[in-house]
Structures are given as C-alpha cells and as structure tokens.
Amino acid sequence: MKDTVFLTGATGFVGSEVLKELLKKNYRVKVLVRDKSRLKENSADIIPVEGDVLDSESFTKEMEDVDTVIHLVGIIREFPSQGITFEKLHFEATKNVVDAAVNNSVKRFIQMSANGARENAVTDYHKTKYKAEEYVRNSGLTYTIFRPSLIYGPGDAFVNMLADMIKKLPIFSYFGKGDYKMQPVSVYEVAEIFVKSIPIPTMYGKTYSVCGNKVYTYRELLNTIMDIINKKRLLASVPEAFVSAGIAVFGGFSWFPITKDQFIMLKEGNVCDSDEVFRDTGVEQRSMESVLRTYLS
C-alpha cells in the first residue's frame, strides 16, 4: 500500500512542484486546500481535503491514516486588515498542523521555514518563522526543517517581477550600492529535497539551510536577468534613505513593491554557509542561468 502524505500549500508556487514530486515518487497525497478547483494536478493519488490551516477542526480527522506531513504554508507580506499576518500564517497555522499530526501519531513531519529565521531576528517575518520552528522541534515529532533562500522558477513572485519591470522600463533602479548578497535556489531543487528527505533517517531532527550553487549581488542578478531576456537597461542607484522614506509612507499599500521587512531582509543578505542538504539528499544543484532560460527567454 502506498504511503500517504498530507500536504499543505499545495496550490502555491512551491506546493505545486512538491505535489508533482510526490506523485512521481508514487505517494498518495492528501492536499489541504480551501478551493480544490485551484489544484493544478489531476491524479487518482490526490485526495483533496477542503479546509483551512487556521481551523484545525476542518482537517484533523483527515490525518488519521497519514504517514508524513509536509507543511508549506507561509506568506511574504502581511495584510492585517484582512487578517493575514505572519503570526497567524506562520505560527498559528503551524501549531494547528503540528497538533493534528501529534494527535494522529504521524510518523514524519517536514516543515518549510526560511533562511535567516532566528530568535533575535529584526523582522517579524523571520521571528515568526523561528517561533514556528521551535514549536515543531518541541513537538516530539520526527521532524526535518528546511530554510530555503530566495526560491525562483516559473510563477515566482520575485524574478518574474524583476524581468517584467526591466522589459517595461528604460531605466531600472536598485537600492544603495546594489551589493546585497543572495543565493537563489530553484523550486525544482527545493521540491526534490523535500520529497527525497522523507525516508532518510540521518535527516531526522535536523534543520537545513537550502541555497543555490552561486552567490549573486543584487546588481549581478539584475544583469543576469537582462542578459537572458536580451534587454539592456541603464541601472541607476537610489539612496537607501529614499527607499526607507517611501516605505514609511506607502509600505502599507499592496501596490507598493516592497515592505519594511522585505527591505531589511534584502539588506541582510540571503546566503548559506553549507550545501549539506544536497549531499544528504543526493539532489543535484542546478545553474540559475540555465533554469531562468527555460522560462524567461
């Protein structure tokens, strides 16, 4: 009989790719979705569970026959007036899913966190990600926690936005010196890592950072994108003080491209000091340029 995985966030950018990988590996997948019509995959091995991570009663019973839980739900931007906050979607949602897994004696739990998550973080984004990690670590479950850096791929919210803006604007601005370091990782690598880790005992009880094979500065990333889409643009520096002032005035509006937390995280950088996760899973690291050419050019 096939092992059953309970997957949250299955209709999202990362979740859609994780679902594909699970099906490739012959898992039966229960997917927690608010609207099953948004599922992009169609398979007899997919069992939609219509519910909400913030309402544990809507899904707890569905974990009775589950072997592994993969929890991916998270947000990159808050909308407090709509009840969309880091505290709710990072911590409370994780608490609900963890508690349901404990109550159903689930064997394996895999958590999506974020590179840079830590107790003394400056941003609420990283603080709540770390708070969720701690709840998983103290749950008694056989867990593995992954902290991906910036994830790119078809449908991503960052690289595609940059490419679209570069295509439309004759001049493209960046912040300060544009030397913020980042180490993007493809959604394909992330999905493979999550799924391949399920049966590997040496990965139990560990927390891994997940980054790509190359470190870029923000300016280097912009130049890479311009090369791939064959659009040469003048790059102009905007003082960080101007950006901070703009965020202070407009950061609460959804149309403004960056929030205070996102700006702080960009300046902090987003790199890893180890590729242990690739060695432990046997997943092959991909070239960012090669992957981008498959969907940008």
C-alpha atoms as a PDB file:
ATOM      1  CA  MET A   1       0.000   0.000   0.000  1.00  0.00           C
ATOM      2  CA  LYS A   2       1.223   3.482  -0.854  1.00  0.00           C
ATOM      3  CA  ASP A   3       2.431   5.777   1.915  1.00  0.00           C
ATOM      4  CA  THR A   4       0.178   8.785   2.426  1.00  0.00           C
ATOM      5  CA  VAL A   5       1.459  12.351   2.655  1.00  0.00           C
ATOM      6  CA  PHE A   6      -0.627  15.238   3.993  1.00  0.00           C
ATOM      7  CA  LEU A   7       0.437  18.383   2.119  1.00  0.00           C
ATOM      8  CA  THR A   8      -0.453  21.987   2.953  1.00  0.00           C
ATOM      9  CA  GLY A   9       0.057  24.839   0.495  1.00  0.00           C
ATOM     10  CA  ALA A  10      -0.402  22.500  -2.477  1.00  0.00           C
ATOM     11  CA  THR A  11      -1.836  25.187  -4.763  1.00  0.00           C
ATOM     12  CA  GLY A  12       1.043  27.608  -4.147  1.00  0.00           C
ATOM     13  CA  PHE A  13       4.255  28.196  -6.064  1.00  0.00           C
ATOM     14  CA  VAL A  14       6.369  25.699  -4.098  1.00  0.00           C
ATOM     15  CA  GLY A  15       3.498  23.400  -3.162  1.00  0.00           C
ATOM     16  CA  SER A  16       2.526  22.731  -6.769  1.00  0.00           C
ATOM     17  CA  GLU A  17       6.037  21.495  -7.518  1.00  0.00           C
ATOM     18  CA  VAL A  18       6.234  19.437  -4.306  1.00  0.00           C
ATOM     19  CA  LEU A  19       2.944  17.779  -5.261  1.00  0.00           C
ATOM     20  CA  LYS A  20       4.372  16.836  -8.668  1.00  0.00           C
ATOM     21  CA  GLU A  21       7.429  15.289  -6.995  1.00  0.00           C
ATOM     22  CA  LEU A  22       5.297  13.318  -4.550  1.00  0.00           C
ATOM     23  CA  LEU A  23       3.253  11.865  -7.398  1.00  0.00           C
ATOM     24  CA  LYS A  24       6.457  10.972  -9.296  1.00  0.00           C
ATOM     25  CA  LYS A  25       7.638   9.068  -6.212  1.00  0.00           C
ATOM     26  CA  ASN A  26       4.365   7.140  -6.055  1.00  0.00           C
ATOM     27  CA  TYR A  27       2.923   8.690  -2.896  1.00  0.00           C
ATOM     28  CA  ARG A  28      -0.763   9.022  -2.146  1.00  0.00           C
ATOM     29  CA  VAL A  29      -1.305  12.714  -1.315  1.00  0.00           C
ATOM     30  CA  LYS A  30      -3.961  14.353   0.801  1.00  0.00           C
ATOM     31  CA  VAL A  31      -3.895  18.045  -0.076  1.00  0.00           C
ATOM     32  CA  LEU A  32      -5.352  20.644   2.274  1.00  0.00           C
ATOM     33  CA  VAL A  33      -6.956  23.313   0.080  1.00  0.00           C
ATOM     34  CA  ARG A  34      -9.565  25.996   0.554  1.00  0.00           C
ATOM     35  CA  ASP A  35     -10.740  25.519  -3.029  1.00  0.00           C
ATOM     36  CA  LYS A  36      -9.971  22.225  -4.767  1.00  0.00           C
ATOM     37  CA  SER A  37     -10.644  23.787  -8.189  1.00  0.00           C
ATOM     38  CA  ARG A  38      -7.297  25.614  -7.808  1.00  0.00           C
ATOM     39  CA  LEU A  39      -5.326  22.357  -7.878  1.00  0.00           C
ATOM     40  CA  LYS A  40      -3.098  22.205 -10.953  1.00  0.00           C
ATOM     41  CA  GLU A  41      -2.556  18.424 -10.888  1.00  0.00           C
ATOM     42  CA  ASN A  42      -5.081  15.704 -11.643  1.00  0.00           C
ATOM     43  CA  SER A  43      -4.380  12.209 -10.356  1.00  0.00           C
ATOM     44  CA  ALA A  44      -6.172   9.311  -8.683  1.00  0.00           C
ATOM     45  CA  ASP A  45      -3.494   9.580  -5.980  1.00  0.00           C
ATOM     46  CA  ILE A  46      -4.620  13.100  -4.992  1.00  0.00           C
ATOM     47  CA  ILE A  47      -7.260  13.355  -2.275  1.00  0.00           C
ATOM     48  CA  PRO A  48      -8.465  16.953  -1.800  1.00  0.00           C
ATOM     49  CA  VAL A  49      -9.271  17.989   1.761  1.00  0.00           C
ATOM     50  CA  GLU A  50     -11.195  21.245   1.745  1.00  0.00           C
ATOM     51  CA  GLY A  51     -10.266  23.125   4.879  1.00  0.00           C
ATOM     52  CA  ASP A  52      -8.174  25.894   6.381  1.00  0.00           C
ATOM     53  CA  VAL A  53      -4.884  25.711   8.297  1.00  0.00           C
ATOM     54  CA  LEU A  54      -6.341  28.222  10.774  1.00  0.00           C
ATOM     55  CA  ASP A  55      -9.285  25.906  11.509  1.00  0.00           C
ATOM     56  CA  SER A  56      -7.876  22.645  12.878  1.00  0.00           C
ATOM     57  CA  GLU A  57     -11.326  21.020  13.047  1.00  0.00           C
ATOM     58  CA  SER A  58     -11.514  21.226   9.248  1.00  0.00           C
ATOM     59  CA  PHE A  59      -8.631  18.772   8.724  1.00  0.00           C
ATOM     60  CA  THR A  60      -7.515  16.950  11.908  1.00  0.00           C
ATOM     61  CA  LYS A  61      -9.570  13.793  11.222  1.00  0.00           C
ATOM     62  CA  GLU A  62      -8.094  13.611   7.725  1.00  0.00           C
ATOM     63  CA  MET A  63      -4.673  12.811   9.221  1.00  0.00           C
ATOM     64  CA  GLU A  64      -5.783   9.502  10.738  1.00  0.00           C
ATOM     65  CA  ASP A  65      -4.142   7.394   8.003  1.00  0.00           C
ATOM     66  CA  VAL A  66      -1.240   9.731   7.190  1.00  0.00           C
ATOM     67  CA  ASP A  67       2.430   8.704   7.311  1.00  0.00           C
ATOM     68  CA  THR A  68       4.078  12.084   6.618  1.00  0.00           C
ATOM     69  CA  VAL A  69       3.042  15.729   6.853  1.00  0.00           C
ATOM     70  CA  ILE A  70       4.698  18.391   4.679  1.00  0.00           C
ATOM     71  CA  HIS A  71       3.754  21.861   5.864  1.00  0.00           C
ATOM     72  CA  LEU A  72       4.482  24.653   3.388  1.00  0.00           C
ATOM     73  CA  VAL A  73       2.013  27.429   4.189  1.00  0.00           C
ATOM     74  CA  GLY A  74       3.569  30.872   4.583  1.00  0.00           C
ATOM     75  CA  ILE A  75       3.297  34.451   3.353  1.00  0.00           C
ATOM     76  CA  ILE A  76       5.827  37.091   2.307  1.00  0.00           C
ATOM     77  CA  ARG A  77       3.630  40.099   3.046  1.00  0.00           C
ATOM     78  CA  GLU A  78       1.079  40.948   5.732  1.00  0.00           C
ATOM     79  CA  PHE A  79      -2.379  42.423   5.183  1.00  0.00           C
ATOM     80  CA  PRO A  80      -3.616  42.924   8.765  1.00  0.00           C
ATOM     81  CA  SER A  81      -6.964  44.438   7.711  1.00  0.00           C
ATOM     82  CA  GLN A  82      -7.706  41.098   6.015  1.00  0.00           C
ATOM     83  CA  GLY A  83      -6.462  39.034   8.955  1.00  0.00           C
ATOM     84  CA  ILE A  84      -3.354  37.994   7.013  1.00  0.00           C
ATOM     85  CA  THR A  85      -0.429  38.256   9.427  1.00  0.00           C
ATOM     86  CA  PHE A  86       2.874  36.476   9.978  1.00  0.00           C
ATOM     87  CA  GLU A  87       1.759  35.425  13.462  1.00  0.00           C
ATOM     88  CA  LYS A  88      -1.336  33.703  12.093  1.00  0.00           C
ATOM     89  CA  LEU A  89       0.012  32.161   8.898  1.00  0.00           C
ATOM     90  CA  HIS A  90       3.467  31.235  10.158  1.00  0.00           C
ATOM     91  CA  PHE A  91       2.967  30.342  13.817  1.00  0.00           C
ATOM     92  CA  GLU A  92      -0.737  29.644  14.439  1.00  0.00           C
ATOM     93  CA  ALA A  93      -1.082  27.646  11.220  1.00  0.00           C
ATOM     94  CA  THR A  94       1.999  25.583  12.077  1.00  0.00           C
ATOM     95  CA  LYS A  95       0.718  24.987  15.609  1.00  0.00           C
ATOM     96  CA  ASN A  96      -2.581  23.673  14.237  1.00  0.00           C
ATOM     97  CA  VAL A  97      -0.910  21.329  11.755  1.00  0.00           C
ATOM     98  CA  VAL A  98       1.640  20.087  14.309  1.00  0.00           C
ATOM     99  CA  ASP A  99      -1.050  19.439  16.936  1.00  0.00           C
ATOM    100  CA  ALA A 100      -3.130  17.487  14.414  1.00  0.00           C
ATOM    101  CA  ALA A 101      -0.066  15.410  13.474  1.00  0.00           C
ATOM    102  CA  VAL A 102       0.694  14.669  17.147  1.00  0.00           C
ATOM    103  CA  ASN A 103      -2.915  13.711  17.855  1.00  0.00           C
ATOM    104  CA  ASN A 104      -2.850  11.268  14.935  1.00  0.00           C
ATOM    105  CA  SER A 105       0.601   9.809  15.735  1.00  0.00           C
ATOM    106  CA  VAL A 106       2.020  10.841  12.356  1.00  0.00           C
ATOM    107  CA  LYS A 107       5.463   9.291  11.807  1.00  0.00           C
ATOM    108  CA  ARG A 108       7.181  12.107   9.912  1.00  0.00           C
ATOM    109  CA  PHE A 109       6.883  15.919   9.797  1.00  0.00           C
ATOM    110  CA  ILE A 110       8.631  18.234   7.325  1.00  0.00           C
ATOM    111  CA  GLN A 111       8.469  21.989   7.828  1.00  0.00           C
ATOM    112  CA  MET A 112       9.107  24.838   5.411  1.00  0.00           C
ATOM    113  CA  SER A 113      10.848  27.734   7.138  1.00  0.00           C
ATOM    114  CA  ALA A 114      13.101  30.458   5.707  1.00  0.00           C
ATOM    115  CA  ASN A 115      16.811  31.170   5.542  1.00  0.00           C
ATOM    116  CA  GLY A 116      17.625  33.740   8.218  1.00  0.00           C
ATOM    117  CA  ALA A 117      14.959  32.578  10.672  1.00  0.00           C
ATOM    118  CA  ARG A 118      16.299  33.094  14.195  1.00  0.00           C
ATOM    119  CA  GLU A 119      15.184  34.077  17.671  1.00  0.00           C
ATOM    120  CA  ASN A 120      16.820  37.512  17.653  1.00  0.00           C
ATOM    121  CA  ALA A 121      15.730  38.433  14.102  1.00  0.00           C
ATOM    122  CA  VAL A 122      14.940  42.048  13.273  1.00  0.00           C
ATOM    123  CA  THR A 123      11.907  41.268  11.122  1.00  0.00           C
ATOM    124  CA  ASP A 124       8.589  39.785  12.209  1.00  0.00           C
ATOM    125  CA  TYR A 125       8.796  37.523   9.160  1.00  0.00           C
ATOM    126  CA  HIS A 126      11.909  35.777  10.477  1.00  0.00           C
ATOM    127  CA  LYS A 127      10.798  35.886  14.120  1.00  0.00           C
ATOM    128  CA  THR A 128       7.527  34.076  13.406  1.00  0.00           C
ATOM    129  CA  LYS A 129       9.253  31.555  11.157  1.00  0.00           C
ATOM    130  CA  TYR A 130      11.629  30.757  14.027  1.00  0.00           C
ATOM    131  CA  LYS A 131       8.771  30.593  16.527  1.00  0.00           C
ATOM    132  CA  ALA A 132       7.093  28.022  14.284  1.00  0.00           C
ATOM    133  CA  GLU A 133      10.347  26.049  14.044  1.00  0.00           C
ATOM    134  CA  GLU A 134      10.602  25.892  17.820  1.00  0.00           C
ATOM    135  CA  TYR A 135       7.065  24.549  18.083  1.00  0.00           C
ATOM    136  CA  VAL A 136       7.962  21.785  15.619  1.00  0.00           C
ATOM    137  CA  ARG A 137      11.220  20.998  17.443  1.00  0.00           C
ATOM    138  CA  ASN A 138       9.429  20.690  20.801  1.00  0.00           C
ATOM    139  CA  SER A 139       6.512  18.626  19.474  1.00  0.00           C
ATOM    140  CA  GLY A 140       8.043  15.164  19.807  1.00  0.00           C
ATOM    141  CA  LEU A 141       7.520  14.543  16.083  1.00  0.00           C
ATOM    142  CA  THR A 142      10.211  13.064  13.850  1.00  0.00           C
ATOM    143  CA  TYR A 143      10.860  16.319  12.031  1.00  0.00           C
ATOM    144  CA  THR A 144      13.109  17.918   9.463  1.00  0.00           C
ATOM    145  CA  ILE A 145      13.060  21.694   8.946  1.00  0.00           C
ATOM    146  CA  PHE A 146      14.187  23.347   5.725  1.00  0.00           C
ATOM    147  CA  ARG A 147      15.158  27.007   5.401  1.00  0.00           C
ATOM    148  CA  PRO A 148      15.238  27.901   1.695  1.00  0.00           C
ATOM    149  CA  SER A 149      16.708  31.170   0.489  1.00  0.00           C
ATOM    150  CA  LEU A 150      15.036  33.087  -2.347  1.00  0.00           C
ATOM    151  CA  ILE A 151      13.164  30.497  -4.442  1.00  0.00           C
ATOM    152  CA  TYR A 152      12.838  31.080  -8.174  1.00  0.00           C
ATOM    153  CA  GLY A 153      11.088  29.281 -11.007  1.00  0.00           C
ATOM    154  CA  PRO A 154       8.101  29.626 -13.341  1.00  0.00           C
ATOM    155  CA  GLY A 155       5.463  31.620 -11.474  1.00  0.00           C
ATOM    156  CA  ASP A 156       7.784  33.012  -8.810  1.00  0.00           C
ATOM    157  CA  ALA A 157       6.931  36.430  -7.410  1.00  0.00           C
ATOM    158  CA  PHE A 158      10.410  37.974  -7.451  1.00  0.00           C
ATOM    159  CA  VAL A 159      12.485  37.128 -10.529  1.00  0.00           C
ATOM    160  CA  ASN A 160       9.444  37.329 -12.803  1.00  0.00           C
ATOM    161  CA  MET A 161       8.582  40.742 -11.338  1.00  0.00           C
ATOM    162  CA  LEU A 162      12.124  41.999 -11.984  1.00  0.00           C
ATOM    163  CA  ALA A 163      12.096  40.675 -15.558  1.00  0.00           C
ATOM    164  CA  ASP A 164       8.721  42.258 -16.252  1.00  0.00           C
ATOM    165  CA  MET A 165       9.832  45.640 -14.903  1.00  0.00           C
ATOM    166  CA  ILE A 166      13.098  45.515 -16.847  1.00  0.00           C
ATOM    167  CA  LYS A 167      11.142  44.868 -20.052  1.00  0.00           C
ATOM    168  CA  LYS A 168       8.889  47.882 -19.446  1.00  0.00           C
ATOM    169  CA  LEU A 169      11.288  50.488 -18.056  1.00  0.00           C
ATOM    170  CA  PRO A 170      14.180  52.193 -19.883  1.00  0.00           C
ATOM    171  CA  ILE A 171      15.966  52.748 -16.550  1.00  0.00           C
ATOM    172  CA  PHE A 172      15.924  50.291 -13.680  1.00  0.00           C
ATOM    173  CA  SER A 173      16.783  51.376 -10.164  1.00  0.00           C
ATOM    174  CA  TYR A 174      18.387  49.442  -7.342  1.00  0.00           C
ATOM    175  CA  PHE A 175      18.979  50.312  -3.696  1.00  0.00           C
ATOM    176  CA  GLY A 176      22.222  51.754  -2.416  1.00  0.00           C
ATOM    177  CA  LYS A 177      25.255  50.034  -3.916  1.00  0.00           C
ATOM    178  CA  GLY A 178      23.243  47.014  -5.013  1.00  0.00           C
ATOM    179  CA  ASP A 179      25.780  44.746  -3.322  1.00  0.00           C
ATOM    180  CA  TYR A 180      23.301  42.786  -1.186  1.00  0.00           C
ATOM    181  CA  LYS A 181      24.200  39.110  -1.487  1.00  0.00           C
ATOM    182  CA  MET A 182      21.698  36.413  -2.356  1.00  0.00           C
ATOM    183  CA  GLN A 183      21.960  32.738  -3.234  1.00  0.00           C
ATOM    184  CA  PRO A 184      18.727  31.813  -5.021  1.00  0.00           C
ATOM    185  CA  VAL A 185      17.613  28.206  -5.292  1.00  0.00           C
ATOM    186  CA  SER A 186      15.223  26.777  -7.873  1.00  0.00           C
ATOM    187  CA  VAL A 187      11.793  25.487  -6.955  1.00  0.00           C
ATOM    188  CA  TYR A 188      12.786  22.190  -8.600  1.00  0.00           C
ATOM    189  CA  GLU A 189      15.685  21.661  -6.186  1.00  0.00           C
ATOM    190  CA  VAL A 190      13.507  22.604  -3.208  1.00  0.00           C
ATOM    191  CA  ALA A 191      10.728  20.198  -4.198  1.00  0.00           C
ATOM    192  CA  GLU A 192      13.169  17.330  -4.757  1.00  0.00           C
ATOM    193  CA  ILE A 193      14.814  17.956  -1.381  1.00  0.00           C
ATOM    194  CA  PHE A 194      11.513  17.937   0.499  1.00  0.00           C
ATOM    195  CA  VAL A 195      10.336  14.698  -1.075  1.00  0.00           C
ATOM    196  CA  LYS A 196      13.649  12.820  -1.064  1.00  0.00           C
ATOM    197  CA  SER A 197      14.176  13.614   2.627  1.00  0.00           C
ATOM    198  CA  ILE A 198      11.066  11.736   3.738  1.00  0.00           C
ATOM    199  CA  PRO A 199      12.663   8.275   4.226  1.00  0.00           C
ATOM    200  CA  ILE A 200      16.220   9.326   5.175  1.00  0.00           C
ATOM    201  CA  PRO A 201      16.823   8.645   8.909  1.00  0.00           C
ATOM    202  CA  THR A 202      20.042  10.675   9.022  1.00  0.00           C
ATOM    203  CA  MET A 203      17.980  13.798   8.287  1.00  0.00           C
ATOM    204  CA  TYR A 204      15.636  13.319  11.245  1.00  0.00           C
ATOM    205  CA  GLY A 205      15.756  16.080  13.846  1.00  0.00           C
ATOM    206  CA  LYS A 206      17.816  18.402  11.655  1.00  0.00           C
ATOM    207  CA  THR A 207      17.402  21.957  10.378  1.00  0.00           C
ATOM    208  CA  TYR A 208      18.908  22.715   6.977  1.00  0.00           C
ATOM    209  CA  SER A 209      19.550  25.891   5.017  1.00  0.00           C
ATOM    210  CA  VAL A 210      18.793  25.462   1.312  1.00  0.00           C
ATOM    211  CA  CYS A 211      20.605  27.691  -1.205  1.00  0.00           C
ATOM    212  CA  GLY A 212      21.628  27.508  -4.838  1.00  0.00           C
ATOM    213  CA  ASN A 213      25.156  26.893  -6.109  1.00  0.00           C
ATOM    214  CA  LYS A 214      26.101  30.535  -6.743  1.00  0.00           C
ATOM    215  CA  VAL A 215      26.112  33.778  -4.755  1.00  0.00           C
ATOM    216  CA  TYR A 216      24.968  36.910  -6.597  1.00  0.00           C
ATOM    217  CA  THR A 217      24.877  40.553  -5.630  1.00  0.00           C
ATOM    218  CA  TYR A 218      21.583  42.246  -6.420  1.00  0.00           C
ATOM    219  CA  ARG A 219      23.245  44.108  -9.297  1.00  0.00           C
ATOM    220  CA  GLU A 220      24.684  40.865 -10.666  1.00  0.00           C
ATOM    221  CA  LEU A 221      21.254  39.275 -10.568  1.00  0.00           C
ATOM    222  CA  LEU A 222      19.754  42.210 -12.482  1.00  0.00           C
ATOM    223  CA  ASN A 223      22.485  41.947 -15.123  1.00  0.00           C
ATOM    224  CA  THR A 224      21.921  38.197 -15.399  1.00  0.00           C
ATOM    225  CA  ILE A 225      18.207  38.708 -15.994  1.00  0.00           C
ATOM    226  CA  MET A 226      18.905  41.420 -18.591  1.00  0.00           C
ATOM    227  CA  ASP A 227      21.264  39.088 -20.454  1.00  0.00           C
ATOM    228  CA  ILE A 228      18.715  36.269 -20.506  1.00  0.00           C
ATOM    229  CA  ILE A 229      15.791  38.411 -21.722  1.00  0.00           C
ATOM    230  CA  ASN A 230      18.114  40.341 -24.063  1.00  0.00           C
ATOM    231  CA  LYS A 231      17.146  43.756 -22.687  1.00  0.00           C
ATOM    232  CA  LYS A 232      19.925  46.175 -21.865  1.00  0.00           C
ATOM    233  CA  ARG A 233      18.858  48.842 -19.399  1.00  0.00           C
ATOM    234  CA  LEU A 234      20.592  51.631 -17.543  1.00  0.00           C
ATOM    235  CA  LEU A 235      20.898  50.733 -13.872  1.00  0.00           C
ATOM    236  CA  ALA A 236      20.535  53.669 -11.511  1.00  0.00           C
ATOM    237  CA  SER A 237      21.217  53.702  -7.776  1.00  0.00           C
ATOM    238  CA  VAL A 238      18.542  55.038  -5.420  1.00  0.00           C
ATOM    239  CA  PRO A 239      19.754  56.075  -1.943  1.00  0.00           C
ATOM    240  CA  GLU A 240      18.536  53.744   0.787  1.00  0.00           C
ATOM    241  CA  ALA A 241      17.149  56.738   2.689  1.00  0.00           C
ATOM    242  CA  PHE A 242      14.749  57.439  -0.188  1.00  0.00           C
ATOM    243  CA  VAL A 243      13.541  53.852  -0.172  1.00  0.00           C
ATOM    244  CA  SER A 244      13.049  53.907   3.607  1.00  0.00           C
ATOM    245  CA  ALA A 245      11.044  57.130   3.300  1.00  0.00           C
ATOM    246  CA  GLY A 246       8.874  55.616   0.578  1.00  0.00           C
ATOM    247  CA  ILE A 247       8.225  52.523   2.686  1.00  0.00           C
ATOM    248  CA  ALA A 248       7.289  54.674   5.683  1.00  0.00           C
ATOM    249  CA  VAL A 249       4.634  56.451   3.612  1.00  0.00           C
ATOM    250  CA  PHE A 250       3.423  53.772   1.198  1.00  0.00           C
ATOM    251  CA  GLY A 251       4.617  50.441   2.625  1.00  0.00           C
ATOM    252  CA  GLY A 252       1.161  49.520   3.881  1.00  0.00           C
ATOM    253  CA  PHE A 253      -0.342  49.615   0.392  1.00  0.00           C
ATOM    254  CA  SER A 254      -0.398  46.404  -1.652  1.00  0.00           C
ATOM    255  CA  TRP A 255       0.656  48.237  -4.831  1.00  0.00           C
ATOM    256  CA  PHE A 256       3.943  49.396  -3.282  1.00  0.00           C
ATOM    257  CA  PRO A 257       6.630  46.902  -4.416  1.00  0.00           C
ATOM    258  CA  ILE A 258       8.482  46.439  -1.105  1.00  0.00           C
ATOM    259  CA  THR A 259       7.715  46.380   2.621  1.00  0.00           C
ATOM    260  CA  LYS A 260       9.883  47.338   5.586  1.00  0.00           C
ATOM    261  CA  ASP A 261      10.570  43.685   6.434  1.00  0.00           C
ATOM    262  CA  GLN A 262      11.448  42.838   2.831  1.00  0.00           C
ATOM    263  CA  PHE A 263      13.856  45.787   2.617  1.00  0.00           C
ATOM    264  CA  ILE A 264      15.580  44.788   5.858  1.00  0.00           C
ATOM    265  CA  MET A 265      15.916  41.184   4.668  1.00  0.00           C
ATOM    266  CA  LEU A 266      17.306  42.311   1.325  1.00  0.00           C
ATOM    267  CA  LYS A 267      19.992  44.372   3.048  1.00  0.00           C
ATOM    268  CA  GLU A 268      20.821  41.499   5.431  1.00  0.00           C
ATOM    269  CA  GLY A 269      21.567  39.222   2.508  1.00  0.00           C
ATOM    270  CA  ASN A 270      20.337  35.696   1.916  1.00  0.00           C
ATOM    271  CA  VAL A 271      23.162  33.161   1.606  1.00  0.00           C
ATOM    272  CA  CYS A 272      24.083  29.780   3.096  1.00  0.00           C
ATOM    273  CA  ASP A 273      27.347  28.550   4.615  1.00  0.00           C
ATOM    274  CA  SER A 274      26.773  24.885   3.770  1.00  0.00           C
ATOM    275  CA  ASP A 275      25.427  22.657   0.984  1.00  0.00           C
ATOM    276  CA  GLU A 276      24.950  19.715   3.358  1.00  0.00           C
ATOM    277  CA  VAL A 277      21.318  19.292   2.344  1.00  0.00           C
ATOM    278  CA  PHE A 278      22.340  18.448  -1.226  1.00  0.00           C
ATOM    279  CA  ARG A 279      24.865  15.876  -0.036  1.00  0.00           C
ATOM    280  CA  ASP A 280      22.362  14.278   2.352  1.00  0.00           C
ATOM    281  CA  THR A 281      19.565  14.010  -0.238  1.00  0.00           C
ATOM    282  CA  GLY A 282      21.657  13.422  -3.357  1.00  0.00           C
ATOM    283  CA  VAL A 283      19.812  16.234  -5.149  1.00  0.00           C
ATOM    284  CA  GLU A 284      21.864  17.824  -7.932  1.00  0.00           C
ATOM    285  CA  GLN A 285      22.367  21.589  -7.755  1.00  0.00           C
ATOM    286  CA  ARG A 286      21.204  23.493 -10.820  1.00  0.00           C
ATOM    287  CA  SER A 287      22.599  26.504 -12.631  1.00  0.00           C
ATOM    288  CA  MET A 288      20.361  29.523 -12.109  1.00  0.00           C
ATOM    289  CA  GLU A 289      21.150  30.855 -15.576  1.00  0.00           C
ATOM    290  CA  SER A 290      20.138  27.534 -17.173  1.00  0.00           C
ATOM    291  CA  VAL A 291      16.857  27.378 -15.273  1.00  0.00           C
ATOM    292  CA  LEU A 292      15.988  31.024 -15.977  1.00  0.00           C
ATOM    293  CA  ARG A 293      16.478  30.468 -19.702  1.00  0.00           C
ATOM    294  CA  THR A 294      13.714  27.844 -19.636  1.00  0.00           C
ATOM    295  CA  TYR A 295      11.043  30.342 -18.655  1.00  0.00           C
ATOM    296  CA  LEU A 296      12.327  33.913 -19.106  1.00  0.00           C
ATOM    297  CA  SER A 297      13.849  33.911 -22.586  1.00  0.00           C
END
